[in-house]
Protein backbone atom coordinates (compact mmCIF):
# COMPACT_ATOMS: atom_id res chain seq x y z
CA UNK A 1 0.00 0.00 0.00
CA UNK A 2 1.17 3.52 -0.66
CA UNK A 3 1.85 5.61 2.42
CA UNK A 4 0.11 8.78 3.59
CA UNK A 5 3.30 10.63 2.70
CA UNK A 6 3.13 9.32 -0.85
CA UNK A 7 -0.54 10.30 -1.15
CA UNK A 8 0.44 13.78 0.04
CA UNK A 9 3.23 13.92 -2.54
CA UNK A 10 0.84 13.00 -5.38
CA UNK A 11 -1.64 15.63 -4.20
CA UNK A 12 1.15 18.20 -4.14
CA UNK A 13 2.02 17.27 -7.73
CA UNK A 14 -1.60 17.85 -8.72
CA UNK A 15 -1.83 21.15 -6.91
CA UNK A 16 1.35 22.47 -8.46
CA UNK A 17 0.50 22.35 -12.15
CA UNK A 18 -1.85 24.25 -14.41
CA UNK A 19 -1.90 22.21 -17.59
CA UNK A 20 -1.64 18.49 -16.76
CA UNK A 21 -1.80 15.75 -19.36
CA UNK A 22 -3.14 12.39 -18.17
CA UNK A 23 -2.43 9.08 -19.91
CA UNK A 24 -4.72 6.31 -18.62
CA UNK A 25 -5.40 2.64 -19.37
CA UNK A 26 -8.55 1.74 -21.32
CA UNK A 27 -10.38 -0.11 -18.55
CA UNK A 28 -12.47 0.83 -15.51
CA UNK A 29 -9.44 1.16 -13.23
CA UNK A 30 -7.66 3.45 -15.66
CA UNK A 31 -10.75 5.54 -16.40
CA UNK A 32 -11.67 5.84 -12.71
CA UNK A 33 -8.12 6.93 -11.85
CA UNK A 34 -8.25 9.66 -14.48
CA UNK A 35 -11.72 10.81 -13.42
CA UNK A 36 -10.73 11.04 -9.76
CA UNK A 37 -7.72 13.26 -10.47
CA UNK A 38 -9.41 15.32 -13.18
CA UNK A 39 -12.58 16.00 -11.18
CA UNK A 40 -10.39 17.24 -8.33
CA UNK A 41 -8.15 19.39 -10.52
CA UNK A 42 -10.74 20.46 -13.15
CA UNK A 43 -7.89 21.20 -15.52
CA UNK A 44 -5.95 19.27 -18.12
CA UNK A 45 -6.52 16.72 -20.85
CA UNK A 46 -7.02 12.95 -20.75
CA UNK A 47 -5.60 10.46 -23.26
CA UNK A 48 -7.01 6.94 -23.27
CA UNK A 49 -4.19 4.53 -24.14
CA UNK A 50 -5.64 1.71 -26.23
CA UNK A 51 -4.21 -1.47 -27.80
CA UNK A 52 -0.83 -1.49 -26.00
CA UNK A 53 -0.63 -0.53 -22.30
CA UNK A 54 2.44 1.64 -22.62
CA UNK A 55 3.44 5.25 -23.14
CA UNK A 56 5.93 5.53 -25.97
CA UNK A 57 6.82 7.45 -29.14
CA UNK A 58 3.23 7.11 -30.41
CA UNK A 59 2.36 9.99 -28.08
CA UNK A 60 5.16 12.42 -28.89
CA UNK A 61 2.84 14.49 -31.08
CA UNK A 62 0.10 14.58 -28.42
CA UNK A 63 2.51 16.04 -25.89
CA UNK A 64 4.03 18.51 -28.34
CA UNK A 65 0.63 19.79 -29.48
CA UNK A 66 -0.91 20.11 -26.00
CA UNK A 67 2.16 21.54 -24.25
CA UNK A 68 1.56 20.24 -20.71
CA UNK A 69 3.45 21.46 -17.65
CA UNK A 70 3.14 18.01 -16.05
CA UNK A 71 2.37 14.47 -17.23
CA UNK A 72 0.47 11.88 -15.18
CA UNK A 73 0.58 8.21 -16.20
CA UNK A 74 -2.17 6.08 -14.66
CA UNK A 75 -2.51 2.28 -14.56
CA UNK A 76 -0.15 1.72 -17.48
CA UNK A 77 2.43 -1.03 -17.17
CA UNK A 78 5.17 0.44 -19.36
CA UNK A 79 6.78 3.82 -19.86
CA UNK A 80 9.38 3.68 -22.59
CA UNK A 81 12.76 5.27 -21.89
CA UNK A 82 12.65 7.22 -25.15
CA UNK A 83 9.46 8.98 -24.02
CA UNK A 84 11.02 9.96 -20.69
CA UNK A 85 14.13 11.16 -22.51
CA UNK A 86 12.16 13.16 -25.08
CA UNK A 87 10.25 15.10 -22.42
CA UNK A 88 12.88 15.32 -19.71
CA UNK A 89 11.95 18.97 -19.10
CA UNK A 90 8.36 18.04 -18.16
CA UNK A 91 7.79 16.45 -14.72
CA UNK A 92 6.33 12.94 -15.08
CA UNK A 93 4.26 11.36 -12.29
CA UNK A 94 3.59 7.64 -12.81
CA UNK A 95 1.06 5.80 -10.60
CA UNK A 96 0.85 2.07 -11.25
CA UNK A 97 0.48 -1.41 -9.75
CA UNK A 98 2.13 -3.65 -12.33
CA UNK A 99 5.67 -5.02 -12.13
CA UNK A 100 7.86 -2.08 -11.05
CA UNK A 101 9.97 -0.25 -13.61
CA UNK A 102 12.24 2.45 -12.25
CA UNK A 103 13.15 5.23 -14.69
CA UNK A 104 15.52 7.98 -13.46
CA UNK A 105 13.83 11.34 -13.15
CA UNK A 106 10.28 9.92 -13.14
CA UNK A 107 8.29 10.30 -9.91
CA UNK A 108 7.06 6.74 -9.47
CA UNK A 109 4.34 5.50 -7.12
CA UNK A 110 3.75 1.75 -7.07
CA UNK A 111 2.95 -0.35 -3.94
CA UNK A 112 4.86 -3.27 -5.46
CA UNK A 113 8.15 -1.43 -5.03
CA UNK A 114 7.92 -2.21 -1.30
CA UNK A 115 5.80 -5.37 -1.50
CA UNK A 116 5.85 -7.34 -4.74
CA UNK A 117 2.54 -9.02 -3.82
CA UNK A 118 0.65 -5.76 -3.23
CA UNK A 119 -1.32 -5.22 -6.44
CA UNK A 120 -3.80 -2.72 -4.97
CA UNK A 121 -5.19 -0.95 -8.01
CA UNK A 122 -4.54 2.62 -9.04
CA UNK A 123 -8.10 3.92 -8.54
CA UNK A 124 -7.86 2.97 -4.84
CA UNK A 125 -4.75 5.12 -4.50
CA UNK A 126 -6.13 8.01 -6.55
CA UNK A 127 -9.22 8.16 -4.35
CA UNK A 128 -7.09 8.27 -1.21
CA UNK A 129 -5.24 11.20 -2.74
CA UNK A 130 -8.35 13.35 -3.29
CA UNK A 131 -11.01 11.96 -0.95
CA UNK A 132 -10.87 14.79 1.59
CA UNK A 133 -11.83 17.28 -1.12
CA UNK A 134 -14.16 15.03 -3.14
CA UNK A 135 -15.72 12.33 -0.93
CA UNK A 136 -18.68 12.22 -3.33
CA UNK A 137 -16.49 10.53 -5.93
CA UNK A 138 -16.39 7.38 -3.83
CA UNK A 139 -18.58 5.58 -6.40
CA UNK A 140 -16.04 6.23 -9.18
CA UNK A 141 -13.26 4.70 -7.10
CA UNK A 142 -15.42 1.70 -6.21
CA UNK A 143 -16.19 1.05 -9.88
CA UNK A 144 -12.49 1.14 -10.76
CA UNK A 145 -11.48 -1.14 -7.90
CA UNK A 146 -14.18 -3.76 -8.44
CA UNK A 147 -13.61 -3.60 -12.19
CA UNK A 148 -10.01 -4.59 -11.48
CA UNK A 149 -11.29 -7.68 -9.63
CA UNK A 150 -10.54 -6.30 -6.15
CA UNK A 151 -12.24 -5.21 -2.95
CA UNK A 152 -10.69 -2.77 -0.48
CA UNK A 153 -11.46 -0.39 2.36
CA UNK A 154 -12.80 1.99 -0.29
CA UNK A 155 -15.37 -0.53 -1.55
CA UNK A 156 -16.34 -1.28 2.07
CA UNK A 157 -17.06 2.41 2.52
CA UNK A 158 -19.05 2.42 -0.72
CA UNK A 159 -21.11 -0.58 0.44
CA UNK A 160 -22.06 1.27 3.62
CA UNK A 161 -23.13 4.36 1.68
CA UNK A 162 -24.87 2.48 -1.16
CA UNK A 163 -26.04 -0.87 0.31
CA UNK A 164 -28.70 -1.10 -2.41
CA UNK A 165 -25.94 -1.21 -5.04
CA UNK A 166 -23.34 -3.29 -3.22
CA UNK A 167 -24.89 -5.32 -0.37
CA UNK A 168 -22.63 -6.06 2.60
CA UNK A 169 -23.26 -9.77 2.00
CA UNK A 170 -21.08 -9.63 -1.12
CA UNK A 171 -17.57 -10.57 -0.01
CA UNK A 172 -15.90 -11.56 -3.29
CA UNK A 173 -14.85 -9.11 -6.01
CA UNK A 174 -16.08 -11.35 -8.80
CA UNK A 175 -19.52 -11.48 -7.17
CA UNK A 176 -19.56 -7.69 -6.97
CA UNK A 177 -18.38 -7.41 -10.58
CA UNK A 178 -20.88 -9.77 -12.18
CA UNK A 179 -23.73 -10.25 -9.74
CA UNK A 180 -24.54 -6.96 -7.99
CA UNK A 181 -26.73 -4.01 -9.00
CA UNK A 182 -23.56 -1.90 -9.23
CA UNK A 183 -22.09 -4.19 -11.89
CA UNK A 184 -23.98 -2.27 -14.59
CA UNK A 185 -22.08 0.94 -13.80
CA UNK A 186 -18.74 -0.89 -13.89
CA UNK A 187 -19.63 -2.45 -17.21
CA UNK A 188 -20.57 0.96 -18.61
CA UNK A 189 -17.19 2.37 -17.63
CA UNK A 190 -15.44 -0.48 -19.42
CA UNK A 191 -17.57 -0.64 -22.54
CA UNK A 192 -17.74 3.06 -23.42
CA UNK A 193 -13.93 2.96 -23.80
CA UNK A 194 -14.34 0.74 -26.86
CA UNK A 195 -14.56 1.89 -30.44
CA UNK A 196 -13.41 5.06 -32.16
CA UNK A 197 -11.29 7.43 -30.09
CA UNK A 198 -13.65 10.31 -30.90
CA UNK A 199 -16.62 8.40 -29.45
CA UNK A 200 -14.60 7.21 -26.46
CA UNK A 201 -13.44 10.67 -25.45
CA UNK A 202 -16.94 12.12 -25.79
CA UNK A 203 -18.11 9.55 -23.23
CA UNK A 204 -15.11 10.25 -21.01
CA UNK A 205 -15.99 13.96 -21.06
CA UNK A 206 -19.54 13.14 -20.02
CA UNK A 207 -18.26 10.96 -17.19
CA UNK A 208 -16.38 13.95 -15.78
CA UNK A 209 -19.81 15.51 -15.15
CA UNK A 210 -21.89 12.56 -13.90
CA UNK A 211 -22.89 13.20 -10.30
CA UNK A 212 -23.88 9.78 -8.97
CA UNK A 213 -24.18 6.09 -9.91
CA UNK A 214 -27.96 6.41 -9.81
CA UNK A 215 -27.85 9.07 -12.52
CA UNK A 216 -26.27 6.49 -14.81
CA UNK A 217 -28.38 3.51 -13.79
CA UNK A 218 -31.63 5.41 -14.16
CA UNK A 219 -30.59 7.48 -17.19
CA UNK A 220 -32.11 10.45 -15.40
CA UNK A 221 -30.33 13.16 -17.40
CA UNK A 222 -29.66 13.72 -21.09
CA UNK A 223 -25.93 13.18 -20.54
CA UNK A 224 -26.56 9.88 -18.74
CA UNK A 225 -28.95 8.78 -21.50
CA UNK A 226 -26.17 9.28 -24.06
CA UNK A 227 -23.87 6.98 -22.07
CA UNK A 228 -26.61 4.39 -21.62
CA UNK A 229 -27.50 4.35 -25.32
CA UNK A 230 -23.90 3.83 -26.40
CA UNK A 231 -23.37 1.20 -23.72
CA UNK A 232 -26.44 -0.78 -24.78
CA UNK A 233 -25.27 -0.95 -28.39
CA UNK A 234 -21.86 -2.29 -27.36
CA UNK A 235 -23.29 -4.60 -24.71
CA UNK A 236 -25.53 -6.25 -27.31
CA UNK A 237 -22.41 -7.33 -29.23
CA UNK A 238 -20.83 -8.58 -26.03
CA UNK A 239 -23.83 -10.64 -24.93
CA UNK A 240 -23.91 -12.42 -28.30
CA UNK A 241 -20.21 -13.22 -27.99
CA UNK A 242 -20.70 -14.46 -24.42
CA UNK A 243 -23.46 -16.82 -25.53
CA UNK A 244 -21.19 -18.10 -28.32
CA UNK A 245 -18.33 -18.61 -25.84
CA UNK A 246 -20.40 -20.60 -23.37
CA UNK A 247 -21.09 -23.14 -26.09
CA UNK A 248 -17.33 -23.81 -26.25
CA UNK A 249 -17.15 -25.17 -22.71
CA UNK A 250 -15.92 -28.76 -22.56
CA UNK A 251 -14.55 -31.18 -19.97
CA UNK A 252 -10.91 -30.14 -20.25
CA UNK A 253 -9.26 -27.69 -17.86
CA UNK A 254 -8.43 -25.16 -20.59
CA UNK A 255 -11.30 -23.20 -22.09
CA UNK A 256 -10.31 -21.67 -25.45
CA UNK A 257 -12.48 -19.11 -27.23
CA UNK A 258 -11.41 -17.45 -30.50
CA UNK A 259 -13.26 -14.80 -32.47
CA UNK A 260 -12.77 -12.09 -35.10
CA UNK A 261 -13.74 -8.49 -34.43
CA UNK A 262 -12.08 -5.55 -36.19
CA UNK A 263 -13.59 -2.65 -34.30
CA UNK A 264 -13.84 -3.71 -30.66
CA UNK A 265 -12.02 -6.06 -28.31
CA UNK A 266 -13.87 -7.94 -25.59
CA UNK A 267 -11.08 -10.34 -24.62
CA UNK A 268 -10.52 -8.93 -21.12
CA UNK A 269 -14.18 -8.65 -20.16
CA UNK A 270 -15.05 -12.01 -21.68
CA UNK A 271 -12.20 -13.88 -19.99
CA UNK A 272 -13.16 -12.35 -16.64
CA UNK A 273 -16.81 -13.37 -16.91
CA UNK A 274 -16.02 -16.85 -18.18
CA UNK A 275 -13.71 -17.39 -15.19
CA UNK A 276 -16.49 -16.25 -12.87
CA UNK A 277 -18.92 -18.68 -14.46
CA UNK A 278 -16.38 -21.52 -14.71
CA UNK A 279 -13.89 -21.02 -11.84
CA UNK A 280 -12.30 -24.45 -12.33
CA UNK A 281 -11.12 -23.49 -15.83
CA UNK A 282 -8.04 -21.78 -17.17
CA UNK A 283 -9.60 -19.32 -19.63
CA UNK A 284 -7.97 -18.24 -22.89
CA UNK A 285 -9.87 -15.77 -25.07
CA UNK A 286 -8.17 -14.74 -28.30
CA UNK A 287 -9.20 -12.17 -30.91
CA UNK A 288 -7.80 -12.53 -34.42
CA UNK A 289 -6.75 -9.25 -35.97
CA UNK A 290 -4.10 -8.25 -38.52
CA UNK A 291 -2.40 -11.64 -38.55
CA UNK A 292 -2.16 -11.87 -34.77
CA UNK A 293 -4.08 -13.54 -31.96
CA UNK A 294 -4.54 -11.03 -29.16
CA UNK A 295 -5.09 -13.08 -26.02
CA UNK A 296 -6.47 -12.62 -22.53
CA UNK A 297 -5.87 -15.37 -19.96
CA UNK A 298 -7.45 -15.86 -16.55
CA UNK A 299 -7.20 -18.47 -13.80
CA UNK A 300 -8.24 -19.00 -10.20
CA UNK A 301 -5.54 -19.03 -7.47
CA UNK A 302 -3.18 -21.97 -7.63
CA UNK A 303 -1.57 -21.36 -11.01
CA UNK A 304 1.02 -18.75 -11.97
CA UNK A 305 0.02 -17.48 -15.41
CA UNK A 306 3.21 -15.53 -16.25
CA UNK A 307 5.16 -18.78 -15.77
CA UNK A 308 2.68 -20.67 -17.95
CA UNK A 309 2.88 -18.04 -20.70
CA UNK A 310 6.65 -18.08 -20.56
CA UNK A 311 6.64 -21.80 -21.33
CA UNK A 312 3.90 -21.47 -23.95
CA UNK A 313 5.90 -18.86 -25.87
CA UNK A 314 8.83 -21.23 -26.39
CA UNK A 315 9.44 -21.33 -30.14
CA UNK A 316 6.48 -19.02 -30.72
CA UNK A 317 6.60 -15.56 -32.29
CA UNK A 318 4.89 -13.38 -29.71
CA UNK A 319 5.00 -11.85 -26.25
CA UNK A 320 2.96 -11.78 -23.06
CA UNK A 321 2.81 -11.29 -19.31
CA UNK A 322 0.87 -9.66 -16.50
CA UNK A 323 -0.46 -10.50 -13.06
CA UNK A 324 -0.39 -13.92 -11.43
CA UNK A 325 -4.02 -14.71 -12.28
CA UNK A 326 -4.63 -12.34 -15.22
CA UNK A 327 -2.37 -12.01 -18.24
CA UNK A 328 -2.30 -10.87 -21.82
CA UNK A 329 -0.42 -12.25 -24.80
CA UNK A 330 -0.08 -11.66 -28.52
CA UNK A 331 1.12 -14.33 -30.96
CA UNK A 332 1.18 -14.80 -34.70
CA UNK A 333 -1.85 -16.62 -36.11
CA UNK A 334 0.38 -19.37 -37.52
CA UNK A 335 1.88 -20.03 -34.08
CA UNK A 336 -1.38 -19.99 -32.15
CA UNK A 337 -2.03 -23.79 -32.28
CA UNK A 338 1.45 -24.42 -30.83
CA UNK A 339 0.88 -21.71 -28.22
CA UNK A 340 -2.37 -23.38 -27.08
CA UNK A 341 -0.77 -26.84 -27.08
CA UNK A 342 2.08 -25.61 -24.87
CA UNK A 343 -0.37 -23.96 -22.49
CA UNK A 344 -2.19 -27.29 -22.10
CA UNK A 345 1.11 -28.99 -21.35
CA UNK A 346 2.16 -26.29 -18.85
CA UNK A 347 -1.05 -26.47 -16.79
CA UNK A 348 -1.13 -30.24 -16.42
């Protein structure tokens, strides 16, 4: 866990800038982290980092055109050295919970620096940074935390304030994520980040103005109705894919689902829900695009996925890694059968 001193340092970084630029991951934890800091600061610009969870030369032009006086990087696993070198004159504040990467000159906040097993998500930390000024944003933090398959003291506080959305009887993050009234809000935050960047950022802008979870769930304002309408269109695609995936379940330990979709990726959400429904399985969901299989893997405690992926990539053109129970990978289409075969061998 980050310390009170570290939370104070992050807050000081926020207070001492006028034109911040925020890079955030394209999931509920990343979005919530951005919203928490932006709604406190009410200044700056957000950039949703899609496809690859890293900040690199792709974003040189964004920085040059916006001209920030500080850069915040939220819930992104990789910051390339060339990016840090290119913008050495701009202070960079990086808040993360993936495997630590220390880059000289970057102000880095990651609980895993002190405890490699502490993967407390970024939205939990961002809320603790700003909660004294914006306690009403508790629901945003809770959505980010639960969406990252976690529960914390923040979600406990949320449950007490909104027992109708997250009953105290729910003690497991996966239950909260897939089987609570609040799950709809979390799903909205994930799904509106899909599709064209222009559409994504319009929804993100609306989220900076939403006042409560009930506003979203009830569609009680025109801005909330816009979010709901876009969510429902995307969710319809997802539900069809989920139904297709459930037909793939067999007796073996490994559940493999492959699909083609050019515009939107559902690999992370689908692998999470399939694991919830079939907790005894090792889940591999792969989307074919541009000659590659973009994979999301999930497992229940008892198996170390990074180790499994390391073995599965032997002789395979690709890469992968992540958390102990949740990983991503990308391999060439031609190598995918071998990749799957080596996963089966590794989990026996």
